[in-house]
Amino acid sequence: MGTWGTGISSSDAFADVYSEFFSLYNDGIDVDEITQTVIARNQEMLSIPEEAHDFWFALAKAQWECKSLKPETHERVKEIIESEADLKLWHDLGASKADIEKRRKVLDKFLAQLGAEKPKVKARKKKVIREPIFKKGDCLTFKLENGNFGGAVVLEAECRYKNQSAREAYG
């Protein structure tokens, strides 16, 4: 379990799902479609007990922030928290009593948050494509702090204009 704290968002699974949700959201996709897509893409995560709860917590938080919390998502999260399934999982994974108690408070606060209406919808962020400095295939070398040299090859360079390379875009 990639967890670094007792916070609701303190896990790799939560971060991955939340990030994926808002990447699609910022592309202008409808929340219902995003929900279906995120669930479909993360079936493996849902089959892993250590990650499934964080999946539902992330999905619920993202939907709530968009003022589109689905009743079935809210009910699933409520069931996980009220049954103490997440706390049992933490216990089984060897968490300390202090951490389990902190997690209990976090979960109760999260459930209360989901029950309250969010004041306003989270704004969609416009994606900014920055023009690449290097083009696909460029080889780079650089000196490391320890005196050794490193290297890299540019595998892809996304340009504003699809049929134009980075060099053509800048002249």
C-alpha atoms as a PDB file:
ATOM      1  CA  MET A   1       0.000   0.000   0.000  1.00  0.00           C
ATOM      2  CA  GLY A   2       1.616   3.273  -1.125  1.00  0.00           C
ATOM      3  CA  THR A   3       0.457   5.372   1.817  1.00  0.00           C
ATOM      4  CA  TRP A   4       2.421   8.158   3.445  1.00  0.00           C
ATOM      5  CA  GLY A   5      -0.047   9.407   6.049  1.00  0.00           C
ATOM      6  CA  THR A   6      -3.498   9.121   7.555  1.00  0.00           C
ATOM      7  CA  GLY A   7      -4.993  11.843   5.359  1.00  0.00           C
ATOM      8  CA  ILE A   8      -7.745  10.930   2.921  1.00  0.00           C
ATOM      9  CA  SER A   9      -5.504  11.826  -0.023  1.00  0.00           C
ATOM     10  CA  SER A  10      -2.279  10.368   1.406  1.00  0.00           C
ATOM     11  CA  SER A  11      -1.982   7.357  -0.889  1.00  0.00           C
ATOM     12  CA  ASP A  12      -0.743   6.583  -4.369  1.00  0.00           C
ATOM     13  CA  ALA A  13      -4.079   5.030  -5.338  1.00  0.00           C
ATOM     14  CA  PHE A  14      -6.002   8.156  -4.314  1.00  0.00           C
ATOM     15  CA  ALA A  15      -3.549  10.432  -6.114  1.00  0.00           C
ATOM     16  CA  ASP A  16      -3.700   8.369  -9.319  1.00  0.00           C
ATOM     17  CA  VAL A  17      -7.505   8.265  -9.484  1.00  0.00           C
ATOM     18  CA  TYR A  18      -7.934  11.921  -8.511  1.00  0.00           C
ATOM     19  CA  SER A  19      -5.369  13.015 -11.090  1.00  0.00           C
ATOM     20  CA  GLU A  20      -6.929  10.872 -13.814  1.00  0.00           C
ATOM     21  CA  PHE A  21     -10.391  12.255 -13.025  1.00  0.00           C
ATOM     22  CA  PHE A  22      -9.302  15.888 -13.270  1.00  0.00           C
ATOM     23  CA  SER A  23      -7.205  15.309 -16.363  1.00  0.00           C
ATOM     24  CA  LEU A  24     -10.403  14.171 -18.110  1.00  0.00           C
ATOM     25  CA  TYR A  25     -12.452  16.909 -16.426  1.00  0.00           C
ATOM     26  CA  ASN A  26     -10.071  19.579 -17.697  1.00  0.00           C
ATOM     27  CA  ASP A  27     -10.477  18.138 -21.206  1.00  0.00           C
ATOM     28  CA  GLY A  28     -14.145  19.154 -20.964  1.00  0.00           C
ATOM     29  CA  ILE A  29     -15.606  15.675 -20.491  1.00  0.00           C
ATOM     30  CA  ASP A  30     -18.887  15.257 -18.574  1.00  0.00           C
ATOM     31  CA  VAL A  31     -18.617  13.946 -14.983  1.00  0.00           C
ATOM     32  CA  ASP A  32     -20.851  10.921 -15.708  1.00  0.00           C
ATOM     33  CA  GLU A  33     -18.626   9.890 -18.610  1.00  0.00           C
ATOM     34  CA  ILE A  34     -15.489  10.496 -16.552  1.00  0.00           C
ATOM     35  CA  THR A  35     -16.875   8.306 -13.770  1.00  0.00           C
ATOM     36  CA  GLN A  36     -17.585   5.443 -16.170  1.00  0.00           C
ATOM     37  CA  THR A  37     -14.141   5.809 -17.764  1.00  0.00           C
ATOM     38  CA  VAL A  38     -12.256   5.937 -14.460  1.00  0.00           C
ATOM     39  CA  ILE A  39     -14.088   2.870 -13.141  1.00  0.00           C
ATOM     40  CA  ALA A  40     -13.473   0.949 -16.376  1.00  0.00           C
ATOM     41  CA  ARG A  41      -9.772   1.853 -16.499  1.00  0.00           C
ATOM     42  CA  ASN A  42      -9.122   0.943 -12.872  1.00  0.00           C
ATOM     43  CA  GLN A  43     -10.659  -2.509 -12.531  1.00  0.00           C
ATOM     44  CA  GLU A  44      -7.322  -3.917 -11.375  1.00  0.00           C
ATOM     45  CA  MET A  45      -7.090  -1.316  -8.607  1.00  0.00           C
ATOM     46  CA  LEU A  46     -10.644  -2.131  -7.533  1.00  0.00           C
ATOM     47  CA  SER A  47      -9.668  -5.788  -7.186  1.00  0.00           C
ATOM     48  CA  ILE A  48      -6.842  -4.967  -4.749  1.00  0.00           C
ATOM     49  CA  PRO A  49      -8.245  -4.605  -1.209  1.00  0.00           C
ATOM     50  CA  GLU A  50      -5.434  -2.246  -0.148  1.00  0.00           C
ATOM     51  CA  GLU A  51      -6.335   0.203  -2.954  1.00  0.00           C
ATOM     52  CA  ALA A  52     -10.085  -0.165  -3.516  1.00  0.00           C
ATOM     53  CA  HIS A  53     -11.146   2.076  -0.624  1.00  0.00           C
ATOM     54  CA  ASP A  54      -8.813   4.859  -1.720  1.00  0.00           C
ATOM     55  CA  PHE A  55     -10.212   4.530  -5.250  1.00  0.00           C
ATOM     56  CA  TRP A  56     -13.741   5.224  -3.987  1.00  0.00           C
ATOM     57  CA  PHE A  57     -12.570   8.023  -1.688  1.00  0.00           C
ATOM     58  CA  ALA A  58     -10.807   9.757  -4.604  1.00  0.00           C
ATOM     59  CA  LEU A  59     -13.764   9.340  -6.938  1.00  0.00           C
ATOM     60  CA  ALA A  60     -16.160  10.691  -4.301  1.00  0.00           C
ATOM     61  CA  LYS A  61     -13.966  13.694  -3.525  1.00  0.00           C
ATOM     62  CA  ALA A  62     -13.541  14.529  -7.212  1.00  0.00           C
ATOM     63  CA  GLN A  63     -17.277  14.221  -7.903  1.00  0.00           C
ATOM     64  CA  TRP A  64     -18.056  16.310  -4.806  1.00  0.00           C
ATOM     65  CA  GLU A  65     -15.662  19.050  -5.935  1.00  0.00           C
ATOM     66  CA  CYS A  66     -17.529  19.148  -9.261  1.00  0.00           C
ATOM     67  CA  LYS A  67     -20.878  19.314  -7.406  1.00  0.00           C
ATOM     68  CA  SER A  68     -21.771  16.000  -9.062  1.00  0.00           C
ATOM     69  CA  LEU A  69     -21.436  13.471  -6.240  1.00  0.00           C
ATOM     70  CA  LYS A  70     -23.340  10.408  -7.420  1.00  0.00           C
ATOM     71  CA  PRO A  71     -25.618   8.821  -4.777  1.00  0.00           C
ATOM     72  CA  GLU A  72     -24.134   5.369  -5.469  1.00  0.00           C
ATOM     73  CA  THR A  73     -20.580   6.695  -4.962  1.00  0.00           C
ATOM     74  CA  HIS A  74     -21.607   8.453  -1.751  1.00  0.00           C
ATOM     75  CA  GLU A  75     -23.330   5.292  -0.479  1.00  0.00           C
ATOM     76  CA  ARG A  76     -20.294   3.139  -1.252  1.00  0.00           C
ATOM     77  CA  VAL A  77     -17.990   5.521   0.654  1.00  0.00           C
ATOM     78  CA  LYS A  78     -20.478   5.758   3.524  1.00  0.00           C
ATOM     79  CA  GLU A  79     -20.606   1.945   3.758  1.00  0.00           C
ATOM     80  CA  ILE A  80     -16.785   1.670   3.776  1.00  0.00           C
ATOM     81  CA  ILE A  81     -16.491   4.259   6.548  1.00  0.00           C
ATOM     82  CA  GLU A  82     -19.450   3.236   8.720  1.00  0.00           C
ATOM     83  CA  SER A  83     -18.569  -0.467   8.557  1.00  0.00           C
ATOM     84  CA  GLU A  84     -15.012   0.460   9.562  1.00  0.00           C
ATOM     85  CA  ALA A  85     -13.728  -1.689   6.690  1.00  0.00           C
ATOM     86  CA  ASP A  86     -10.954   0.813   5.981  1.00  0.00           C
ATOM     87  CA  LEU A  87      -9.871   0.874   9.620  1.00  0.00           C
ATOM     88  CA  LYS A  88      -9.841  -2.934   9.715  1.00  0.00           C
ATOM     89  CA  LEU A  89      -7.643  -2.928   6.631  1.00  0.00           C
ATOM     90  CA  TRP A  90      -5.244  -0.487   8.282  1.00  0.00           C
ATOM     91  CA  HIS A  91      -5.152  -2.719  11.378  1.00  0.00           C
ATOM     92  CA  ASP A  92      -4.463  -5.825   9.270  1.00  0.00           C
ATOM     93  CA  LEU A  93      -1.623  -4.007   7.507  1.00  0.00           C
ATOM     94  CA  GLY A  94       0.045  -3.247  10.843  1.00  0.00           C
ATOM     95  CA  ALA A  95      -0.841   0.410  11.409  1.00  0.00           C
ATOM     96  CA  SER A  96      -0.352   1.707  14.945  1.00  0.00           C
ATOM     97  CA  LYS A  97      -3.343   2.380  17.199  1.00  0.00           C
ATOM     98  CA  ALA A  98      -2.534   6.094  17.051  1.00  0.00           C
ATOM     99  CA  ASP A  99      -2.581   6.079  13.241  1.00  0.00           C
ATOM    100  CA  ILE A 100      -5.834   4.118  13.172  1.00  0.00           C
ATOM    101  CA  GLU A 101      -7.416   6.669  15.521  1.00  0.00           C
ATOM    102  CA  LYS A 102      -6.157   9.539  13.334  1.00  0.00           C
ATOM    103  CA  ARG A 103      -7.536   7.767  10.274  1.00  0.00           C
ATOM    104  CA  ARG A 104     -10.911   7.329  12.009  1.00  0.00           C
ATOM    105  CA  LYS A 105     -11.130  11.100  12.582  1.00  0.00           C
ATOM    106  CA  VAL A 106     -10.103  11.812   8.979  1.00  0.00           C
ATOM    107  CA  LEU A 107     -12.735   9.405   7.628  1.00  0.00           C
ATOM    108  CA  ASP A 108     -15.486  10.880   9.831  1.00  0.00           C
ATOM    109  CA  LYS A 109     -14.562  14.389   8.712  1.00  0.00           C
ATOM    110  CA  PHE A 110     -14.497  13.273   5.061  1.00  0.00           C
ATOM    111  CA  LEU A 111     -17.935  11.670   5.318  1.00  0.00           C
ATOM    112  CA  ALA A 112     -19.313  14.865   6.879  1.00  0.00           C
ATOM    113  CA  GLN A 113     -17.742  16.899   4.077  1.00  0.00           C
ATOM    114  CA  LEU A 114     -19.406  14.718   1.437  1.00  0.00           C
ATOM    115  CA  GLY A 115     -22.753  15.243   3.176  1.00  0.00           C
ATOM    116  CA  ALA A 116     -22.466  19.020   2.877  1.00  0.00           C
ATOM    117  CA  GLU A 117     -22.947  20.784  -0.431  1.00  0.00           C
ATOM    118  CA  LYS A 118     -19.839  22.300  -1.993  1.00  0.00           C
ATOM    119  CA  PRO A 119     -20.274  26.067  -2.374  1.00  0.00           C
ATOM    120  CA  LYS A 120     -19.198  26.188  -6.018  1.00  0.00           C
ATOM    121  CA  VAL A 121     -18.045  23.906  -8.804  1.00  0.00           C
ATOM    122  CA  LYS A 122     -14.318  23.418  -9.248  1.00  0.00           C
ATOM    123  CA  ALA A 123     -13.272  25.393 -12.321  1.00  0.00           C
ATOM    124  CA  ARG A 124     -11.871  23.524 -15.284  1.00  0.00           C
ATOM    125  CA  LYS A 125      -8.238  24.357 -15.971  1.00  0.00           C
ATOM    126  CA  LYS A 126      -7.258  25.108 -19.520  1.00  0.00           C
ATOM    127  CA  LYS A 127      -4.320  22.990 -20.590  1.00  0.00           C
ATOM    128  CA  VAL A 128      -1.330  24.936 -21.807  1.00  0.00           C
ATOM    129  CA  ILE A 129       0.905  23.289 -24.374  1.00  0.00           C
ATOM    130  CA  ARG A 130       4.372  24.755 -24.164  1.00  0.00           C
ATOM    131  CA  GLU A 131       6.407  24.546 -27.318  1.00  0.00           C
ATOM    132  CA  PRO A 132       9.265  22.062 -26.919  1.00  0.00           C
ATOM    133  CA  ILE A 133      12.853  23.213 -27.004  1.00  0.00           C
ATOM    134  CA  PHE A 134      14.071  19.970 -28.541  1.00  0.00           C
ATOM    135  CA  LYS A 135      12.657  17.823 -31.321  1.00  0.00           C
ATOM    136  CA  LYS A 136      12.026  14.093 -31.428  1.00  0.00           C
ATOM    137  CA  GLY A 137      15.303  12.229 -31.822  1.00  0.00           C
ATOM    138  CA  ASP A 138      17.556  14.909 -30.295  1.00  0.00           C
ATOM    139  CA  CYS A 139      20.316  13.509 -28.066  1.00  0.00           C
ATOM    140  CA  LEU A 140      21.319  15.456 -24.986  1.00  0.00           C
ATOM    141  CA  THR A 141      24.333  15.135 -22.714  1.00  0.00           C
ATOM    142  CA  PHE A 142      24.908  16.861 -19.409  1.00  0.00           C
ATOM    143  CA  LYS A 143      27.458  16.878 -16.627  1.00  0.00           C
ATOM    144  CA  LEU A 144      26.269  15.651 -13.234  1.00  0.00           C
ATOM    145  CA  GLU A 145      27.297  17.188  -9.897  1.00  0.00           C
ATOM    146  CA  ASN A 146      29.563  14.206  -9.192  1.00  0.00           C
ATOM    147  CA  GLY A 147      31.539  14.818 -12.401  1.00  0.00           C
ATOM    148  CA  ASN A 148      29.982  11.979 -14.392  1.00  0.00           C
ATOM    149  CA  PHE A 149      27.992  12.586 -17.528  1.00  0.00           C
ATOM    150  CA  GLY A 150      24.386  11.679 -18.239  1.00  0.00           C
ATOM    151  CA  GLY A 151      22.417  11.486 -21.419  1.00  0.00           C
ATOM    152  CA  ALA A 152      18.880  11.537 -22.718  1.00  0.00           C
ATOM    153  CA  VAL A 153      17.075  11.030 -25.993  1.00  0.00           C
ATOM    154  CA  VAL A 154      13.926  12.994 -26.812  1.00  0.00           C
ATOM    155  CA  LEU A 155      11.271  10.385 -27.595  1.00  0.00           C
ATOM    156  CA  GLU A 156       8.388  12.750 -28.323  1.00  0.00           C
ATOM    157  CA  ALA A 157       7.838  16.485 -28.739  1.00  0.00           C
ATOM    158  CA  GLU A 158       4.254  17.737 -28.782  1.00  0.00           C
ATOM    159  CA  CYS A 159       3.838  20.850 -30.888  1.00  0.00           C
ATOM    160  CA  ARG A 160       0.963  23.268 -31.098  1.00  0.00           C
ATOM    161  CA  TYR A 161       0.591  22.460 -34.788  1.00  0.00           C
ATOM    162  CA  LYS A 162       0.227  18.730 -35.473  1.00  0.00           C
ATOM    163  CA  ASN A 163       2.091  18.628 -38.813  1.00  0.00           C
ATOM    164  CA  GLN A 164       4.967  20.792 -37.679  1.00  0.00           C
ATOM    165  CA  SER A 165       8.160  19.817 -35.886  1.00  0.00           C
ATOM    166  CA  ALA A 166       9.587  21.883 -33.046  1.00  0.00           C
ATOM    167  CA  ARG A 167      12.347  23.247 -35.295  1.00  0.00           C
ATOM    168  CA  GLU A 168       9.812  24.253 -37.996  1.00  0.00           C
ATOM    169  CA  ALA A 169       7.613  25.944 -35.410  1.00  0.00           C
ATOM    170  CA  TYR A 170      10.503  28.124 -34.236  1.00  0.00           C
ATOM    171  CA  GLY A 171      12.396  28.570 -37.481  1.00  0.00           C
END
